[in-house]
Amino acid sequence: MAEQSHPPRLSNQMERTRSAIVAAARDLADSGAEITMPAVAAAARVSEATAYRYFPDLISLLRAAVMTEDLVAVLRSATRDDDPVERIGQAAEILGQAVLRRQGAVRVLVASTIAKPVTAKDRPAHRFGLIEHALAPWIDKCGPAGRADAERLVRGLAVVISAESIFTLTDLCGLAPDAAVASLVDTARAMTAAVVAATPAG
């Protein structure tokens, strides 16, 4: 039997360097500072060339550093009942707060996928997991006729419960961060309530 090949393991020094780069990116994201590869390299005390040897671009670094949070698990621990309006409000708040907490990193990610749509597949789709988990108990009770309404609602909510909506509310509408999240929650709840009221149960 042919011996199986395994990817080469990083040396201890390489692991430490990679961890330092990831930690620096995470710290910059948590501080709200603008995130660039030169800034991350400086914070990690490595050269920019070294940072690029570990991560070919800023997006791959951000995915490793700050885009792995399980927001559905956060929602799962927060939900207490099956009311879709209440659950979708919680989902909107969780996503809105997550975006604002690390908005420097999120802005970089959004900008990159707008400039290069082919990279959109590399962007975490947190909103869909949150929306689908929030609506799951209600969707399970919908009859076949209600499934189309449910699909339209998920698509509509994906526009509302998003980083782009948060940045529209803060950057263009001039809302303070907390007010932007509250507006996001109100809109998501109102949209959900209207569809739920009009959809027959199974």
Foldseek 3Di string as FASTA:
>chain_A
DDDDDDPDDDDPVLVLLLVLLLVLQQVCLQVVHADALCSSCVSSVHHSVSSCVNPVGPLSSCCVRPQPDQLLVVLVVVDDDLPLLVQQLSLLLSLLVSCVSRVNSVVVVVVVCVVPVVCVVSHDLNLLSSNCSSCVVVCVFADPVLVVLVVVLSVVLSVLSDSVQLCCCCPVVVDDSVVSSVVSSVVNSVSVVVSSVVGDTD
